[in-house]
Amino acid sequence: MKHLISILVFFLFFTTSSIALTPYSYNVRQGDQTLPAVIDPKLQQICDKTDNPVECLITTIPFLRKKVAINPVSILNIEVEAIDIKTKEALDKASKLLLSSSNSKPITNCFNICINNYKSILESKHRILDAISIGDDKQLRVELSSNVDKIYHCEDAFEEANVKSPITEVNSLLGKMITNSLTITIDMVHFHNKN
């Protein structure tokens, strides 16, 4: 069974996101998360249009409520909440790693860059939610693009110090979540009062 899941995940990541998937096509584990066998077709359609459809599903499904209208704006709001939670986890992990080990100055600098970037991402949440509420797609794009850059700068700091990042996994997921939010913003959200 493990081999089948690996093959399915490999297939999902290396095929185009425009492939239409049936409501029963996912039953995949990602870390400690398992996708349900049945997925709302509206959610699936939105997530299929992102660069990382599996991560889109994994990070939105836990936040769906029975009466939530599933549309790009509601899924974008859910992703913003999920990003906030995952960023807090990343901040906590990086802070604990910084305090718990006797790090060299380059590693300490790497953690400090990441910690500052995570804090900045958390601070941007309200600007992002405000931009969504008033339909300011330009501000939304600026904030989300900046947050993607902050994740990459964190990983780049470790790479430049020639140190294996102990937070690559969380940064990878955060980067995918923010990229998905940006894709939803650019390709699917159509605010009536364009700025």
N, C-alpha and C. Protein backbone atom coordinates (compact mmCIF):
# COMPACT_ATOMS: atom_id res chain seq x y z
N MET A 1 0.82 -1.19 0.00
CA MET A 1 0.00 0.00 0.00
C MET A 1 0.87 1.26 0.00
N LYS A 2 1.99 1.23 0.75
CA LYS A 2 2.87 2.39 0.78
C LYS A 2 3.35 2.76 -0.62
N HIS A 3 3.63 1.75 -1.42
CA HIS A 3 4.12 2.01 -2.78
C HIS A 3 3.05 2.66 -3.63
N LEU A 4 1.82 2.25 -3.46
CA LEU A 4 0.73 2.85 -4.23
C LEU A 4 0.54 4.31 -3.85
N ILE A 5 0.63 4.61 -2.57
CA ILE A 5 0.49 6.00 -2.13
C ILE A 5 1.65 6.83 -2.66
N SER A 6 2.85 6.29 -2.60
CA SER A 6 4.01 7.01 -3.12
C SER A 6 3.86 7.29 -4.60
N ILE A 7 3.38 6.31 -5.33
CA ILE A 7 3.18 6.49 -6.77
C ILE A 7 2.10 7.54 -7.01
N LEU A 8 1.01 7.51 -6.23
CA LEU A 8 -0.06 8.49 -6.39
C LEU A 8 0.45 9.89 -6.09
N VAL A 9 1.20 10.04 -5.00
CA VAL A 9 1.74 11.35 -4.66
C VAL A 9 2.69 11.83 -5.75
N PHE A 10 3.56 10.95 -6.23
CA PHE A 10 4.48 11.29 -7.30
C PHE A 10 3.69 11.76 -8.53
N PHE A 11 2.67 11.01 -8.89
CA PHE A 11 1.84 11.34 -10.04
C PHE A 11 1.18 12.70 -9.85
N LEU A 12 0.62 12.95 -8.66
CA LEU A 12 -0.07 14.21 -8.41
C LEU A 12 0.86 15.41 -8.49
N PHE A 13 2.08 15.24 -8.01
CA PHE A 13 3.00 16.36 -8.01
C PHE A 13 3.59 16.63 -9.39
N PHE A 14 3.67 15.65 -10.23
CA PHE A 14 4.34 15.83 -11.51
C PHE A 14 3.39 15.82 -12.70
N THR A 15 2.14 15.99 -12.47
CA THR A 15 1.19 16.17 -13.56
C THR A 15 0.67 17.58 -13.47
N THR A 16 0.05 18.04 -14.52
CA THR A 16 -0.45 19.40 -14.49
C THR A 16 -1.61 19.51 -13.54
N SER A 17 -1.76 20.68 -12.97
CA SER A 17 -2.83 20.88 -12.00
C SER A 17 -4.18 21.06 -12.66
N SER A 18 -4.22 21.04 -13.98
CA SER A 18 -5.49 21.21 -14.67
C SER A 18 -6.25 19.90 -14.85
N ILE A 19 -5.66 18.80 -14.41
CA ILE A 19 -6.34 17.52 -14.53
C ILE A 19 -7.54 17.51 -13.59
N ALA A 20 -8.69 17.17 -14.13
CA ALA A 20 -9.89 17.10 -13.28
C ALA A 20 -9.86 15.81 -12.49
N LEU A 21 -10.04 15.90 -11.20
CA LEU A 21 -10.01 14.73 -10.33
C LEU A 21 -11.41 14.45 -9.82
N THR A 22 -11.74 13.20 -9.73
CA THR A 22 -13.07 12.83 -9.23
C THR A 22 -13.11 12.98 -7.73
N PRO A 23 -14.31 13.06 -7.13
CA PRO A 23 -14.40 13.22 -5.68
C PRO A 23 -13.75 12.07 -4.91
N TYR A 24 -13.48 10.96 -5.54
CA TYR A 24 -12.91 9.82 -4.85
C TYR A 24 -11.44 9.60 -5.19
N SER A 25 -10.79 10.56 -5.80
CA SER A 25 -9.46 10.31 -6.32
C SER A 25 -8.34 10.48 -5.29
N TYR A 26 -8.59 11.12 -4.17
CA TYR A 26 -7.54 11.30 -3.17
C TYR A 26 -7.82 10.44 -1.95
N ASN A 27 -6.85 9.78 -1.47
CA ASN A 27 -6.84 9.17 -0.14
C ASN A 27 -5.37 9.06 0.22
N VAL A 28 -4.78 10.21 0.45
CA VAL A 28 -3.34 10.35 0.57
C VAL A 28 -2.98 10.84 1.95
N ARG A 29 -1.86 10.35 2.48
CA ARG A 29 -1.33 10.86 3.74
C ARG A 29 -0.24 11.88 3.42
N GLN A 30 -0.25 12.98 4.12
CA GLN A 30 0.80 13.99 4.02
C GLN A 30 1.21 14.28 5.45
N GLY A 31 2.36 13.81 5.84
CA GLY A 31 2.77 13.97 7.23
C GLY A 31 1.80 13.22 8.11
N ASP A 32 1.19 13.92 9.05
CA ASP A 32 0.22 13.28 9.93
C ASP A 32 -1.21 13.56 9.50
N GLN A 33 -1.39 14.06 8.29
CA GLN A 33 -2.72 14.40 7.78
C GLN A 33 -3.16 13.39 6.73
N THR A 34 -4.38 12.96 6.80
CA THR A 34 -4.94 12.07 5.80
C THR A 34 -6.12 12.77 5.15
N LEU A 35 -6.15 12.74 3.83
CA LEU A 35 -7.28 13.32 3.12
C LEU A 35 -8.44 12.35 3.14
N PRO A 36 -9.64 12.86 3.25
CA PRO A 36 -10.80 11.97 3.18
C PRO A 36 -10.96 11.42 1.76
N ALA A 37 -11.62 10.30 1.66
CA ALA A 37 -11.83 9.69 0.35
C ALA A 37 -12.81 10.52 -0.48
N VAL A 38 -13.73 11.20 0.17
CA VAL A 38 -14.71 12.03 -0.55
C VAL A 38 -14.42 13.49 -0.25
N ILE A 39 -14.23 14.26 -1.30
CA ILE A 39 -13.91 15.68 -1.17
C ILE A 39 -14.95 16.47 -1.94
N ASP A 40 -15.39 17.57 -1.35
CA ASP A 40 -16.38 18.41 -2.01
C ASP A 40 -15.86 18.81 -3.39
N PRO A 41 -16.64 18.59 -4.43
CA PRO A 41 -16.18 18.89 -5.79
C PRO A 41 -15.80 20.35 -6.01
N LYS A 42 -16.48 21.28 -5.33
CA LYS A 42 -16.14 22.71 -5.48
C LYS A 42 -14.75 22.99 -4.91
N LEU A 43 -14.47 22.42 -3.73
CA LEU A 43 -13.14 22.59 -3.13
C LEU A 43 -12.09 21.93 -4.00
N GLN A 44 -12.39 20.76 -4.47
CA GLN A 44 -11.44 20.03 -5.30
C GLN A 44 -11.13 20.82 -6.58
N GLN A 45 -12.14 21.43 -7.16
CA GLN A 45 -11.94 22.21 -8.39
C GLN A 45 -11.02 23.40 -8.12
N ILE A 46 -11.23 24.08 -6.99
CA ILE A 46 -10.37 25.21 -6.63
C ILE A 46 -8.94 24.74 -6.39
N CYS A 47 -8.79 23.70 -5.59
CA CYS A 47 -7.44 23.21 -5.26
C CYS A 47 -6.72 22.64 -6.48
N ASP A 48 -7.44 22.01 -7.39
CA ASP A 48 -6.83 21.47 -8.59
C ASP A 48 -6.18 22.55 -9.45
N LYS A 49 -6.64 23.78 -9.32
CA LYS A 49 -6.10 24.89 -10.12
C LYS A 49 -4.88 25.54 -9.48
N THR A 50 -4.50 25.07 -8.28
CA THR A 50 -3.31 25.62 -7.63
C THR A 50 -2.08 24.82 -8.03
N ASP A 51 -0.92 25.32 -7.68
CA ASP A 51 0.33 24.62 -7.96
C ASP A 51 0.53 23.40 -7.07
N ASN A 52 -0.13 23.39 -5.93
CA ASN A 52 0.05 22.32 -4.94
C ASN A 52 -1.32 21.85 -4.47
N PRO A 53 -2.04 21.08 -5.30
CA PRO A 53 -3.42 20.72 -4.96
C PRO A 53 -3.55 19.86 -3.70
N VAL A 54 -2.64 18.96 -3.46
CA VAL A 54 -2.73 18.11 -2.27
C VAL A 54 -2.60 18.97 -1.01
N GLU A 55 -1.62 19.86 -1.00
CA GLU A 55 -1.43 20.74 0.16
C GLU A 55 -2.62 21.68 0.33
N CYS A 56 -3.20 22.12 -0.77
CA CYS A 56 -4.39 22.96 -0.70
C CYS A 56 -5.50 22.23 0.04
N LEU A 57 -5.73 20.99 -0.34
CA LEU A 57 -6.78 20.19 0.31
C LEU A 57 -6.46 19.92 1.77
N ILE A 58 -5.22 19.51 2.03
CA ILE A 58 -4.81 19.17 3.40
C ILE A 58 -4.93 20.37 4.34
N THR A 59 -4.65 21.55 3.84
CA THR A 59 -4.64 22.73 4.71
C THR A 59 -5.99 23.43 4.79
N THR A 60 -6.93 23.11 3.91
CA THR A 60 -8.24 23.76 3.98
C THR A 60 -9.32 22.88 4.60
N ILE A 61 -9.28 21.59 4.31
CA ILE A 61 -10.34 20.70 4.80
C ILE A 61 -10.55 20.78 6.31
N PRO A 62 -9.49 20.83 7.13
CA PRO A 62 -9.73 20.90 8.59
C PRO A 62 -10.49 22.15 9.04
N PHE A 63 -10.52 23.19 8.21
CA PHE A 63 -11.15 24.45 8.59
C PHE A 63 -12.54 24.64 8.00
N LEU A 64 -12.95 23.73 7.15
CA LEU A 64 -14.27 23.87 6.54
C LEU A 64 -15.36 23.59 7.57
N ARG A 65 -16.34 24.42 7.55
CA ARG A 65 -17.50 24.21 8.41
C ARG A 65 -18.67 23.81 7.52
N LYS A 66 -19.64 23.18 8.10
CA LYS A 66 -20.76 22.65 7.32
C LYS A 66 -21.43 23.70 6.45
N LYS A 67 -21.58 24.92 6.95
CA LYS A 67 -22.36 25.93 6.23
C LYS A 67 -21.49 26.95 5.49
N VAL A 68 -20.21 26.67 5.31
CA VAL A 68 -19.33 27.59 4.59
C VAL A 68 -19.57 27.42 3.10
N ALA A 69 -19.84 28.53 2.44
CA ALA A 69 -19.97 28.50 0.98
C ALA A 69 -18.57 28.29 0.42
N ILE A 70 -18.41 27.31 -0.42
CA ILE A 70 -17.09 27.03 -0.98
C ILE A 70 -16.94 27.78 -2.29
N ASN A 71 -16.10 28.80 -2.23
CA ASN A 71 -15.77 29.62 -3.40
C ASN A 71 -14.34 30.11 -3.20
N PRO A 72 -13.73 30.69 -4.22
CA PRO A 72 -12.33 31.11 -4.07
C PRO A 72 -12.07 32.06 -2.91
N VAL A 73 -12.97 32.99 -2.63
CA VAL A 73 -12.73 33.93 -1.54
C VAL A 73 -12.80 33.22 -0.18
N SER A 74 -13.76 32.33 0.00
CA SER A 74 -13.84 31.62 1.29
C SER A 74 -12.64 30.71 1.49
N ILE A 75 -12.19 30.06 0.43
CA ILE A 75 -11.01 29.19 0.53
C ILE A 75 -9.75 30.02 0.77
N LEU A 76 -9.68 31.19 0.16
CA LEU A 76 -8.55 32.09 0.41
C LEU A 76 -8.53 32.51 1.88
N ASN A 77 -9.67 32.86 2.43
CA ASN A 77 -9.75 33.21 3.86
C ASN A 77 -9.31 32.04 4.74
N ILE A 78 -9.73 30.84 4.39
CA ILE A 78 -9.34 29.66 5.15
C ILE A 78 -7.83 29.44 5.04
N GLU A 79 -7.27 29.60 3.85
CA GLU A 79 -5.82 29.43 3.68
C GLU A 79 -5.06 30.46 4.52
N VAL A 80 -5.56 31.69 4.59
CA VAL A 80 -4.89 32.72 5.39
C VAL A 80 -4.86 32.29 6.87
N GLU A 81 -5.96 31.73 7.35
CA GLU A 81 -5.99 31.24 8.74
C GLU A 81 -5.02 30.07 8.92
N ALA A 82 -5.00 29.16 7.95
CA ALA A 82 -4.10 28.01 8.02
C ALA A 82 -2.63 28.45 7.98
N ILE A 83 -2.33 29.44 7.16
CA ILE A 83 -0.97 29.98 7.08
C ILE A 83 -0.57 30.59 8.42
N ASP A 84 -1.50 31.30 9.03
CA ASP A 84 -1.23 31.91 10.33
C ASP A 84 -0.88 30.84 11.37
N ILE A 85 -1.64 29.77 11.41
CA ILE A 85 -1.39 28.69 12.36
C ILE A 85 -0.05 28.01 12.07
N LYS A 86 0.22 27.70 10.81
CA LYS A 86 1.47 27.03 10.45
C LYS A 86 2.66 27.95 10.69
N THR A 87 2.50 29.25 10.47
CA THR A 87 3.59 30.20 10.73
C THR A 87 3.89 30.27 12.22
N LYS A 88 2.87 30.23 13.04
CA LYS A 88 3.08 30.22 14.50
C LYS A 88 3.84 28.96 14.91
N GLU A 89 3.50 27.82 14.29
CA GLU A 89 4.22 26.57 14.56
C GLU A 89 5.69 26.71 14.14
N ALA A 90 5.92 27.30 12.97
CA ALA A 90 7.29 27.48 12.48
C ALA A 90 8.08 28.41 13.40
N LEU A 91 7.44 29.48 13.82
CA LEU A 91 8.09 30.43 14.74
C LEU A 91 8.45 29.74 16.05
N ASP A 92 7.54 28.96 16.57
CA ASP A 92 7.78 28.22 17.82
C ASP A 92 8.94 27.24 17.65
N LYS A 93 8.93 26.51 16.55
CA LYS A 93 9.99 25.52 16.30
C LYS A 93 11.35 26.20 16.15
N ALA A 94 11.40 27.27 15.36
CA ALA A 94 12.67 27.97 15.15
C ALA A 94 13.18 28.59 16.45
N SER A 95 12.27 29.15 17.24
CA SER A 95 12.66 29.75 18.52
C SER A 95 13.21 28.70 19.48
N LYS A 96 12.56 27.54 19.54
CA LYS A 96 13.03 26.46 20.42
C LYS A 96 14.38 25.93 19.95
N LEU A 97 14.55 25.78 18.64
CA LEU A 97 15.84 25.29 18.12
C LEU A 97 16.95 26.30 18.41
N LEU A 98 16.63 27.57 18.31
CA LEU A 98 17.63 28.61 18.60
C LEU A 98 18.05 28.56 20.06
N LEU A 99 17.09 28.38 20.95
CA LEU A 99 17.39 28.38 22.39
C LEU A 99 17.96 27.07 22.90
N SER A 100 17.62 25.96 22.27
CA SER A 100 17.96 24.66 22.83
C SER A 100 19.35 24.15 22.47
N SER A 101 19.98 24.75 21.53
CA SER A 101 21.30 24.24 21.13
C SER A 101 22.35 25.33 21.22
N SER A 102 23.58 24.88 21.29
CA SER A 102 24.68 25.84 21.29
C SER A 102 25.08 26.08 19.84
N ASN A 103 24.39 26.99 19.23
CA ASN A 103 24.58 27.27 17.81
C ASN A 103 25.74 28.21 17.56
N SER A 104 26.36 28.00 16.43
CA SER A 104 27.41 28.92 16.00
C SER A 104 26.75 30.23 15.56
N LYS A 105 27.56 31.25 15.40
CA LYS A 105 27.02 32.55 15.01
C LYS A 105 26.29 32.48 13.66
N PRO A 106 26.83 31.79 12.64
CA PRO A 106 26.09 31.72 11.38
C PRO A 106 24.71 31.05 11.53
N ILE A 107 24.64 29.99 12.32
CA ILE A 107 23.36 29.30 12.51
C ILE A 107 22.40 30.19 13.31
N THR A 108 22.93 30.86 14.32
CA THR A 108 22.10 31.79 15.09
C THR A 108 21.54 32.88 14.18
N ASN A 109 22.36 33.39 13.29
CA ASN A 109 21.90 34.41 12.34
C ASN A 109 20.80 33.86 11.43
N CYS A 110 20.94 32.62 11.00
CA CYS A 110 19.92 31.98 10.15
C CYS A 110 18.59 31.91 10.89
N PHE A 111 18.64 31.42 12.12
CA PHE A 111 17.41 31.31 12.90
C PHE A 111 16.79 32.69 13.13
N ASN A 112 17.62 33.69 13.40
CA ASN A 112 17.10 35.04 13.62
C ASN A 112 16.42 35.59 12.37
N ILE A 113 17.01 35.33 11.21
CA ILE A 113 16.38 35.76 9.94
C ILE A 113 15.01 35.09 9.81
N CYS A 114 14.95 33.79 10.04
CA CYS A 114 13.69 33.06 9.92
C CYS A 114 12.66 33.55 10.93
N ILE A 115 13.08 33.74 12.16
CA ILE A 115 12.17 34.20 13.21
C ILE A 115 11.59 35.57 12.85
N ASN A 116 12.45 36.48 12.40
CA ASN A 116 11.97 37.81 11.99
C ASN A 116 11.01 37.72 10.81
N ASN A 117 11.31 36.83 9.87
CA ASN A 117 10.43 36.67 8.71
C ASN A 117 9.09 36.06 9.11
N TYR A 118 9.10 35.10 10.01
CA TYR A 118 7.84 34.51 10.49
C TYR A 118 7.00 35.58 11.19
N LYS A 119 7.64 36.39 12.01
CA LYS A 119 6.90 37.46 12.70
C LYS A 119 6.29 38.43 11.70
N SER A 120 7.04 38.73 10.66
CA SER A 120 6.54 39.63 9.62
C SER A 120 5.34 39.03 8.88
N ILE A 121 5.40 37.72 8.63
CA ILE A 121 4.26 37.04 7.98
C ILE A 121 3.04 37.11 8.89
N LEU A 122 3.24 36.88 10.18
CA LEU A 122 2.12 36.96 11.12
C LEU A 122 1.52 38.37 11.17
N GLU A 123 2.38 39.37 11.11
CA GLU A 123 1.91 40.76 11.11
C GLU A 123 1.12 41.09 9.85
N SER A 124 1.40 40.42 8.75
CA SER A 124 0.72 40.72 7.49
C SER A 124 -0.69 40.15 7.42
N LYS A 125 -1.04 39.26 8.34
CA LYS A 125 -2.35 38.60 8.29
C LYS A 125 -3.49 39.62 8.24
N HIS A 126 -3.45 40.61 9.10
CA HIS A 126 -4.54 41.58 9.14
C HIS A 126 -4.60 42.41 7.86
N ARG A 127 -3.46 42.74 7.30
CA ARG A 127 -3.45 43.47 6.03
C ARG A 127 -4.04 42.62 4.90
N ILE A 128 -3.73 41.32 4.94
CA ILE A 128 -4.27 40.41 3.93
C ILE A 128 -5.79 40.29 4.09
N LEU A 129 -6.25 40.07 5.31
CA LEU A 129 -7.70 39.96 5.54
C LEU A 129 -8.43 41.26 5.19
N ASP A 130 -7.81 42.39 5.51
CA ASP A 130 -8.40 43.69 5.13
C ASP A 130 -8.48 43.82 3.62
N ALA A 131 -7.41 43.43 2.93
CA ALA A 131 -7.40 43.50 1.46
C ALA A 131 -8.48 42.61 0.86
N ILE A 132 -8.69 41.45 1.44
CA ILE A 132 -9.76 40.56 0.96
C ILE A 132 -11.11 41.22 1.20
N SER A 133 -11.32 41.77 2.40
CA SER A 133 -12.63 42.32 2.75
C SER A 133 -13.00 43.53 1.90
N ILE A 134 -12.01 44.33 1.49
CA ILE A 134 -12.33 45.50 0.67
C ILE A 134 -12.11 45.25 -0.83
N GLY A 135 -11.67 44.06 -1.17
CA GLY A 135 -11.48 43.71 -2.57
C GLY A 135 -10.26 44.36 -3.21
N ASP A 136 -9.21 44.54 -2.44
CA ASP A 136 -7.98 45.17 -2.94
C ASP A 136 -7.01 44.09 -3.40
N ASP A 137 -7.17 43.66 -4.66
CA ASP A 137 -6.33 42.57 -5.15
C ASP A 137 -4.86 42.95 -5.28
N LYS A 138 -4.57 44.23 -5.52
CA LYS A 138 -3.16 44.66 -5.62
C LYS A 138 -2.46 44.49 -4.28
N GLN A 139 -3.09 44.95 -3.20
CA GLN A 139 -2.49 44.82 -1.87
C GLN A 139 -2.36 43.35 -1.49
N LEU A 140 -3.35 42.57 -1.84
CA LEU A 140 -3.34 41.14 -1.56
C LEU A 140 -2.15 40.47 -2.24
N ARG A 141 -1.94 40.79 -3.49
CA ARG A 141 -0.81 40.22 -4.24
C ARG A 141 0.52 40.65 -3.64
N VAL A 142 0.61 41.91 -3.25
CA VAL A 142 1.86 42.42 -2.66
C VAL A 142 2.17 41.68 -1.37
N GLU A 143 1.19 41.57 -0.49
CA GLU A 143 1.40 40.91 0.81
C GLU A 143 1.77 39.44 0.64
N LEU A 144 1.02 38.72 -0.20
CA LEU A 144 1.29 37.29 -0.38
C LEU A 144 2.63 37.06 -1.07
N SER A 145 2.95 37.86 -2.08
CA SER A 145 4.25 37.73 -2.76
C SER A 145 5.40 37.99 -1.80
N SER A 146 5.23 39.00 -0.97
CA SER A 146 6.25 39.31 0.03
C SER A 146 6.44 38.16 1.01
N ASN A 147 5.34 37.51 1.39
CA ASN A 147 5.43 36.39 2.32
C ASN A 147 6.10 35.18 1.70
N VAL A 148 5.87 34.94 0.43
CA VAL A 148 6.59 33.85 -0.27
C VAL A 148 8.09 34.14 -0.22
N ASP A 149 8.46 35.38 -0.51
CA ASP A 149 9.88 35.76 -0.48
C ASP A 149 10.48 35.55 0.91
N LYS A 150 9.72 35.83 1.95
CA LYS A 150 10.24 35.69 3.32
C LYS A 150 10.56 34.23 3.64
N ILE A 151 9.74 33.32 3.14
CA ILE A 151 10.01 31.89 3.36
C ILE A 151 11.29 31.50 2.62
N TYR A 152 11.43 31.94 1.38
CA TYR A 152 12.63 31.60 0.61
C TYR A 152 13.88 32.23 1.21
N HIS A 153 13.76 33.45 1.75
CA HIS A 153 14.92 34.09 2.38
C HIS A 153 15.38 33.31 3.61
N CYS A 154 14.43 32.75 4.32
CA CYS A 154 14.76 31.93 5.49
C CYS A 154 15.59 30.73 5.05
N GLU A 155 15.12 30.01 4.05
CA GLU A 155 15.87 28.84 3.58
C GLU A 155 17.20 29.24 2.95
N ASP A 156 17.22 30.36 2.23
CA ASP A 156 18.46 30.84 1.63
C ASP A 156 19.52 31.15 2.67
N ALA A 157 19.10 31.64 3.84
CA ALA A 157 20.06 31.96 4.90
C ALA A 157 20.84 30.72 5.30
N PHE A 158 20.15 29.60 5.45
CA PHE A 158 20.84 28.35 5.80
C PHE A 158 21.74 27.88 4.66
N GLU A 159 21.24 28.00 3.45
CA GLU A 159 22.03 27.57 2.29
C GLU A 159 23.32 28.38 2.17
N GLU A 160 23.21 29.69 2.35
CA GLU A 160 24.38 30.56 2.26
C GLU A 160 25.38 30.29 3.37
N ALA A 161 24.91 29.82 4.51
CA ALA A 161 25.79 29.47 5.63
C ALA A 161 26.32 28.04 5.51
N ASN A 162 25.95 27.36 4.41
CA ASN A 162 26.34 25.96 4.19
C ASN A 162 25.92 25.06 5.34
N VAL A 163 24.68 25.26 5.80
CA VAL A 163 24.12 24.49 6.90
C VAL A 163 22.80 23.89 6.45
N LYS A 164 22.60 22.62 6.80
CA LYS A 164 21.32 21.99 6.48
C LYS A 164 20.25 22.58 7.39
N SER A 165 19.21 23.11 6.79
CA SER A 165 18.14 23.74 7.56
C SER A 165 17.32 22.68 8.30
N PRO A 166 17.15 22.85 9.61
CA PRO A 166 16.31 21.91 10.36
C PRO A 166 14.82 22.24 10.26
N ILE A 167 14.50 23.30 9.50
CA ILE A 167 13.10 23.71 9.37
C ILE A 167 12.64 23.72 7.91
N THR A 168 13.34 22.97 7.08
CA THR A 168 12.99 22.92 5.66
C THR A 168 11.58 22.41 5.43
N GLU A 169 11.19 21.38 6.17
CA GLU A 169 9.86 20.78 5.95
C GLU A 169 8.74 21.79 6.20
N VAL A 170 8.81 22.49 7.31
CA VAL A 170 7.76 23.47 7.63
C VAL A 170 7.81 24.63 6.64
N ASN A 171 9.02 25.04 6.24
CA ASN A 171 9.13 26.12 5.26
C ASN A 171 8.58 25.70 3.91
N SER A 172 8.81 24.46 3.54
CA SER A 172 8.29 23.95 2.27
C SER A 172 6.77 24.01 2.26
N LEU A 173 6.15 23.53 3.33
CA LEU A 173 4.69 23.56 3.40
C LEU A 173 4.17 24.99 3.43
N LEU A 174 4.80 25.85 4.21
CA LEU A 174 4.37 27.25 4.25
C LEU A 174 4.49 27.91 2.87
N GLY A 175 5.59 27.66 2.19
CA GLY A 175 5.77 28.21 0.85
C GLY A 175 4.68 27.75 -0.10
N LYS A 176 4.33 26.47 -0.01
CA LYS A 176 3.26 25.93 -0.88
C LYS A 176 1.90 26.54 -0.52
N MET A 177 1.65 26.70 0.77
CA MET A 177 0.38 27.28 1.20
C MET A 177 0.24 28.73 0.71
N ILE A 178 1.31 29.50 0.87
CA ILE A 178 1.25 30.90 0.45
C ILE A 178 1.17 31.00 -1.07
N THR A 179 1.92 30.15 -1.77
CA THR A 179 1.85 30.13 -3.23
C THR A 179 0.44 29.77 -3.70
N ASN A 180 -0.18 28.80 -3.04
CA ASN A 180 -1.57 28.45 -3.38
C ASN A 180 -2.50 29.64 -3.17
N SER A 181 -2.31 30.37 -2.09
CA SER A 181 -3.14 31.55 -1.82
C SER A 181 -2.93 32.60 -2.90
N LEU A 182 -1.71 32.76 -3.32
CA LEU A 182 -1.41 33.71 -4.39
C LEU A 182 -2.06 33.27 -5.70
N THR A 183 -2.01 31.99 -6.01
CA THR A 183 -2.65 31.47 -7.22
C THR A 183 -4.16 31.68 -7.17
N ILE A 184 -4.75 31.40 -6.03
CA ILE A 184 -6.20 31.62 -5.89
C ILE A 184 -6.52 33.09 -6.10
N THR A 185 -5.69 33.97 -5.53
CA THR A 185 -5.90 35.42 -5.68
C THR A 185 -5.80 35.84 -7.14
N ILE A 186 -4.76 35.41 -7.81
CA ILE A 186 -4.51 35.87 -9.18
C ILE A 186 -5.47 35.24 -10.19
N ASP A 187 -5.70 33.94 -10.06
CA ASP A 187 -6.45 33.22 -11.08
C ASP A 187 -7.93 33.03 -10.82
N MET A 188 -8.35 33.13 -9.56
CA MET A 188 -9.74 32.75 -9.26
C MET A 188 -10.58 33.82 -8.58
N VAL A 189 -9.96 34.71 -7.81
CA VAL A 189 -10.72 35.72 -7.09
C VAL A 189 -10.91 36.92 -8.02
N HIS A 190 -12.15 37.31 -8.19
CA HIS A 190 -12.45 38.44 -9.08
C HIS A 190 -13.26 39.45 -8.28
N PHE A 191 -12.55 40.43 -7.72
CA PHE A 191 -13.22 41.45 -6.95
C PHE A 191 -13.92 42.41 -7.91
N HIS A 192 -15.07 42.88 -7.50
CA HIS A 192 -15.86 43.77 -8.36
C HIS A 192 -15.28 45.18 -8.40
N ASN A 193 -14.72 45.64 -7.31
CA ASN A 193 -14.12 46.98 -7.29
C ASN A 193 -12.61 46.84 -7.39
N LYS A 194 -12.14 46.65 -8.62
CA LYS A 194 -10.70 46.53 -8.88
C LYS A 194 -10.03 47.86 -8.60
N ASN A 195 -8.85 47.77 -7.99
CA ASN A 195 -8.08 48.99 -7.68
C ASN A 195 -7.00 49.19 -8.69
